[in-house]
């Protein structure tokens, strides 16, 4: 009986791991097509995308031109340029994507999460103060580091994290993510800028502040830098 119970637990753990990330492909590639009207003609629906007939794939399906500097002239002083399956259709089913993050001096990529991907970031230029917050079960511990050119830091999947330029000049980083479409939830935007808004009574109690403060925050324009 104990052996059977052990096998059941093992299978459950294996299943949870298998579905925690993008599924492994069962073919060389599965180039996505955005035209859902003709999707059924070309192939099957995989990872939220219709797949092109492999015989019709070409080099452009795996190519993105000019990952250049983003415009940091905004309230946050940062710009995230993502390259996901929406930009390179050949990424479909491959479980990987990336982003370039540009920072003006003192620019901030505000606290956010990626619900479907772990992030590994390398600094190409400048100095960044980065960090992530562990979940409740780990007492919401804050892990931080100051990164210089060539330094690398990992942000575990789903955890709140941020990056700020603490140098005197511009900064640039490249982030790789373990999903073709990792998603992003910017905390301030989601909490105070949701549509429709979350009840101010709910937020006042959650943050233990006066309702007027919540009303003020909900009236602000929450800029999206991605």
Protein backbone atom coordinates (compact mmCIF):
# COMPACT_ATOMS: atom_id res chain seq x y z
CA UNK A 1 0.00 0.00 0.00
CA UNK A 2 2.85 2.37 0.85
CA UNK A 3 4.45 1.66 -2.52
CA UNK A 4 1.22 2.55 -4.31
CA UNK A 5 0.88 5.77 -2.31
CA UNK A 6 4.48 6.67 -3.13
CA UNK A 7 3.87 6.12 -6.85
CA UNK A 8 0.74 8.27 -6.74
CA UNK A 9 2.65 11.10 -5.07
CA UNK A 10 5.51 10.75 -7.56
CA UNK A 11 3.13 10.91 -10.51
CA UNK A 12 1.40 13.95 -9.05
CA UNK A 13 4.72 15.73 -8.63
CA UNK A 14 5.77 14.83 -12.14
CA UNK A 15 2.49 16.15 -13.52
CA UNK A 16 2.82 19.41 -11.61
CA UNK A 17 6.32 19.93 -13.01
CA UNK A 18 5.20 19.06 -16.52
CA UNK A 19 2.47 21.69 -16.51
CA UNK A 20 4.40 24.39 -14.64
CA UNK A 21 6.16 25.69 -17.75
CA UNK A 22 5.67 25.80 -21.50
CA UNK A 23 5.31 22.22 -22.78
CA UNK A 24 8.25 20.72 -24.64
CA UNK A 25 7.75 20.64 -28.41
CA UNK A 26 7.12 17.35 -30.19
CA UNK A 27 8.46 18.68 -33.50
CA UNK A 28 11.33 20.85 -34.77
CA UNK A 29 9.19 23.98 -34.72
CA UNK A 30 5.58 25.12 -34.78
CA UNK A 31 5.58 28.60 -36.32
CA UNK A 32 2.57 30.55 -35.10
CA UNK A 33 0.17 32.42 -37.35
CA UNK A 34 -1.94 35.29 -36.08
CA UNK A 35 -4.77 34.90 -38.58
CA UNK A 36 -7.17 32.64 -36.70
CA UNK A 37 -9.61 32.61 -39.64
CA UNK A 38 -7.16 30.66 -41.77
CA UNK A 39 -5.53 28.83 -38.87
CA UNK A 40 -7.50 25.67 -39.35
CA UNK A 41 -6.29 25.44 -42.92
CA UNK A 42 -2.61 25.49 -41.96
CA UNK A 43 -2.38 23.39 -38.83
CA UNK A 44 -3.22 22.82 -35.20
CA UNK A 45 -3.80 25.07 -32.21
CA UNK A 46 -0.78 24.85 -29.85
CA UNK A 47 0.11 27.11 -26.87
CA UNK A 48 -2.61 29.58 -27.78
CA UNK A 49 -1.47 29.89 -31.40
CA UNK A 50 -2.33 28.19 -34.67
CA UNK A 51 0.67 26.51 -36.27
CA UNK A 52 1.78 27.04 -39.83
CA UNK A 53 2.43 24.03 -42.02
CA UNK A 54 6.18 23.37 -41.44
CA UNK A 55 6.71 23.23 -45.20
CA UNK A 56 5.61 26.88 -45.42
CA UNK A 57 8.02 28.11 -42.70
CA UNK A 58 10.90 30.38 -43.70
CA UNK A 59 13.83 32.21 -42.09
CA UNK A 60 11.76 35.34 -41.43
CA UNK A 61 9.59 33.33 -39.02
CA UNK A 62 12.63 33.11 -36.69
CA UNK A 63 13.94 36.66 -37.16
CA UNK A 64 13.48 40.05 -35.46
CA UNK A 65 15.14 43.13 -36.90
CA UNK A 66 16.80 45.82 -34.83
CA UNK A 67 16.42 45.38 -31.09
CA UNK A 68 17.39 49.01 -30.60
CA UNK A 69 17.24 51.45 -27.72
CA UNK A 70 13.82 52.16 -26.25
CA UNK A 71 12.47 55.64 -25.54
CA UNK A 72 13.02 56.37 -21.84
CA UNK A 73 11.42 59.83 -21.93
CA UNK A 74 8.50 58.84 -19.72
CA UNK A 75 7.52 59.08 -16.03
CA UNK A 76 9.44 55.91 -15.12
CA UNK A 77 12.57 56.67 -17.12
CA UNK A 78 12.65 53.16 -18.56
CA UNK A 79 11.44 51.21 -21.56
CA UNK A 80 11.01 47.46 -21.95
CA UNK A 81 11.16 46.12 -25.51
CA UNK A 82 9.89 42.55 -25.46
CA UNK A 83 10.62 39.90 -28.07
CA UNK A 84 8.07 37.16 -27.46
CA UNK A 85 6.05 34.82 -29.66
CA UNK A 86 4.02 37.87 -30.67
CA UNK A 87 7.14 39.39 -32.29
CA UNK A 88 8.88 36.19 -33.50
CA UNK A 89 6.23 33.68 -34.50
CA UNK A 90 8.82 30.91 -34.65
CA UNK A 91 9.14 31.05 -30.85
CA UNK A 92 5.84 29.20 -30.54
CA UNK A 93 6.31 26.03 -28.38
CA UNK A 94 10.02 26.78 -27.82
CA UNK A 95 9.58 28.08 -24.25
CA UNK A 96 11.87 31.10 -24.41
CA UNK A 97 11.76 34.85 -25.07
CA UNK A 98 13.73 37.96 -24.19
CA UNK A 99 13.47 41.67 -23.54
CA UNK A 100 15.75 44.67 -23.78
CA UNK A 101 15.40 47.16 -20.92
CA UNK A 102 16.68 50.71 -21.34
CA UNK A 103 17.08 53.07 -18.37
CA UNK A 104 17.60 56.80 -18.18
CA UNK A 105 19.58 57.98 -15.12
CA UNK A 106 17.54 57.02 -12.02
CA UNK A 107 15.09 55.19 -14.31
CA UNK A 108 13.01 52.40 -12.79
CA UNK A 109 11.47 49.19 -14.09
CA UNK A 110 8.83 49.12 -11.32
CA UNK A 111 7.84 46.13 -9.18
CA UNK A 112 6.18 43.52 -11.39
CA UNK A 113 5.84 39.79 -11.88
CA UNK A 114 6.01 37.36 -14.79
CA UNK A 115 3.32 34.75 -14.07
CA UNK A 116 4.65 32.25 -16.61
CA UNK A 117 8.43 32.63 -16.63
CA UNK A 118 11.67 32.85 -14.70
CA UNK A 119 13.89 35.76 -15.77
CA UNK A 120 17.67 35.88 -16.02
CA UNK A 121 19.09 39.36 -16.59
CA UNK A 122 22.51 40.55 -17.74
CA UNK A 123 23.68 44.17 -17.55
CA UNK A 124 25.19 45.45 -20.79
CA UNK A 125 25.81 49.01 -19.66
CA UNK A 126 25.53 50.98 -16.42
CA UNK A 127 24.76 50.04 -12.82
CA UNK A 128 21.45 48.59 -11.65
CA UNK A 129 19.97 48.02 -8.20
CA UNK A 130 17.79 44.91 -8.57
CA UNK A 131 15.79 42.69 -6.30
CA UNK A 132 12.91 40.31 -5.76
CA UNK A 133 10.58 39.53 -2.87
CA UNK A 134 9.97 35.95 -1.74
CA UNK A 135 6.44 34.64 -1.17
CA UNK A 136 4.57 34.69 2.15
CA UNK A 137 5.85 31.22 3.04
CA UNK A 138 9.36 32.67 3.02
CA UNK A 139 8.39 35.70 5.09
CA UNK A 140 8.47 38.06 2.07
CA UNK A 141 12.27 38.27 2.28
CA UNK A 142 13.85 40.86 0.01
CA UNK A 143 16.84 39.73 -2.07
CA UNK A 144 18.80 42.60 -3.62
CA UNK A 145 22.06 43.20 -5.44
CA UNK A 146 23.85 46.05 -7.20
CA UNK A 147 24.82 44.89 -10.69
CA UNK A 148 27.52 46.31 -12.92
CA UNK A 149 28.33 45.67 -16.57
CA UNK A 150 28.53 41.91 -17.22
CA UNK A 151 26.77 40.91 -13.98
CA UNK A 152 23.89 38.43 -14.09
CA UNK A 153 20.89 38.02 -11.75
CA UNK A 154 17.93 35.61 -11.66
CA UNK A 155 14.32 36.45 -10.76
CA UNK A 156 12.31 33.29 -9.95
CA UNK A 157 9.01 32.72 -11.73
CA UNK A 158 6.03 34.60 -10.34
CA UNK A 159 7.90 36.64 -7.72
CA UNK A 160 7.68 40.42 -7.51
CA UNK A 161 10.91 42.04 -8.75
CA UNK A 162 12.33 45.36 -9.97
CA UNK A 163 15.38 47.07 -11.47
CA UNK A 164 16.55 50.65 -10.98
CA UNK A 165 19.39 52.56 -12.59
CA UNK A 166 21.57 53.85 -9.76
CA UNK A 167 24.41 55.03 -11.98
CA UNK A 168 25.05 58.48 -13.40
CA UNK A 169 24.51 57.57 -17.05
CA UNK A 170 22.12 55.43 -19.07
CA UNK A 171 21.85 51.71 -18.43
CA UNK A 172 20.91 48.77 -20.63
CA UNK A 173 20.05 45.17 -19.74
CA UNK A 174 18.91 42.09 -21.61
CA UNK A 175 16.54 39.65 -19.91
CA UNK A 176 15.85 36.10 -21.07
CA UNK A 177 12.63 34.45 -19.90
CA UNK A 178 11.62 30.79 -19.69
CA UNK A 179 8.39 31.17 -21.65
CA UNK A 180 7.42 32.17 -25.17
CA UNK A 181 4.90 34.52 -23.55
CA UNK A 182 5.85 35.10 -19.89
CA UNK A 183 3.29 37.84 -19.29
CA UNK A 184 3.79 40.82 -17.02
CA UNK A 185 1.77 42.24 -14.12
CA UNK A 186 2.95 45.66 -12.93
CA UNK A 187 1.90 45.80 -9.29
CA UNK A 188 0.92 49.46 -8.98
CA UNK A 189 -0.94 49.44 -12.29
CA UNK A 190 -2.86 46.28 -11.40
CA UNK A 191 -3.79 47.32 -7.87
CA UNK A 192 -4.58 51.00 -8.38
CA UNK A 193 -5.29 51.16 -12.11
CA UNK A 194 -7.49 48.13 -12.70
CA UNK A 195 -10.55 48.47 -14.94
CA UNK A 196 -13.04 48.63 -13.32
CA UNK A 197 -11.27 49.79 -10.15
CA UNK A 198 -10.98 47.60 -7.08
CA UNK A 199 -13.23 48.85 -4.28
CA UNK A 200 -11.46 51.59 -2.32
CA UNK A 201 -12.80 50.02 0.88
CA UNK A 202 -11.05 46.77 -0.01
CA UNK A 203 -7.75 48.51 -0.73
CA UNK A 204 -7.99 50.80 2.30
CA UNK A 205 -8.37 47.79 4.57
CA UNK A 206 -5.67 45.81 2.76
CA UNK A 207 -3.12 48.64 2.97
CA UNK A 208 -4.44 49.88 6.32
CA UNK A 209 -4.67 53.50 5.17
CA UNK A 210 -7.43 56.08 4.85
CA UNK A 211 -9.85 55.69 1.92
CA UNK A 212 -8.84 59.17 0.70
CA UNK A 213 -5.31 57.95 0.07
CA UNK A 214 -6.64 55.08 -2.04
CA UNK A 215 -8.91 57.45 -3.96
CA UNK A 216 -5.91 59.68 -4.67
CA UNK A 217 -3.84 56.76 -5.93
CA UNK A 218 -6.65 55.47 -8.13
CA UNK A 219 -6.93 58.87 -9.79
CA UNK A 220 -3.29 58.81 -10.92
CA UNK A 221 -2.13 57.85 -14.41
CA UNK A 222 -0.21 54.58 -14.10
CA UNK A 223 2.29 54.47 -16.96
CA UNK A 224 3.04 51.16 -18.67
CA UNK A 225 6.70 50.99 -19.77
CA UNK A 226 6.38 47.76 -21.75
